[in-house]
């Protein structure tokens, strides 16, 4: 997949380009189905499949929410889109100035002239441009005038209704990572660099942990989770604790991961943690011995789930 992070990098249109546009936070099952439609349509035209997205997320720019929690950080989103087989990813730097672009200008100058769009596939409620003045009707009107096709894709639904980034975000916040994984088509993942913690896990409890600091990621509800950990291309089973370690009353929020059958020194190394299932909520124990006994039970339960 070719990636363009500035429209100035595009010297020649990709015509005939089949385009879809959106934030695509999570690159969930619904997004994946949309990308499949784009790819198939492009093949039929002998053209190029193109995804247009924005960075940073518009909510952060327009609503001033700098730490708006994302399901997928930028690099992971790029990786996931590439894995679908899309030919080209166009990442438009999003700013308040860009947000003021009139809808018709966005279609004609960027999608039609710059990218070479000959077909566009979007969801039923797609809107765009200054004050979200652009919609399906405007696209269809311009499509007739300029000569591009507008295809409105149906929503992908589960038993709970339409698949959306908002629904997935809510499930993760509630700790329902197993349900979120169905909508994502994969397990929810956070990434980070291992930092030195309080050296309590191994020395005091007998279960050494890798400590992560999360930045912009969506954080699952506090508690204990069965997880898999990817380090240096290899997957390991593990148990993660998210929260404030109430047994020790220090009030410090952290994400700690005990990687099973693992003894490498990975301080300063990047790891990826996939959340499989929530085992229990956080609980204050009378002391370290009781906590260690519970951790042993958590590990046993996690191994049953992960096997």
Foldseek 3Di string as FASTA:
>chain_A
DAEAAELVVQPDAQPQEEEEEDACFLVWPQVLVQQVVQVVVQVVVVTAYEYEHEPPDVCCAPVVPVLAATLDPDVVSVVSSVVSVHGYYYYYYDHVVFQQAAPVCCCVVPVCGRHNYQEYEYEQADFGHHVSPRHPVNVVVVCVVPHHYYHHDYFDADPVGGQDSVVLLVCQQAQVQQVSCVGSVHFRKDKFAFADDPPCQCPPQNFDWTWGDGGRHRHGHFAKFWKWKAFPNDIFTWMWGFAQQVQVPPRDTIIIIRTPPDDDDRHRGMMMIGTNHGDDHDDHDPDSVVVSVVVVVVVVVSVVVVD
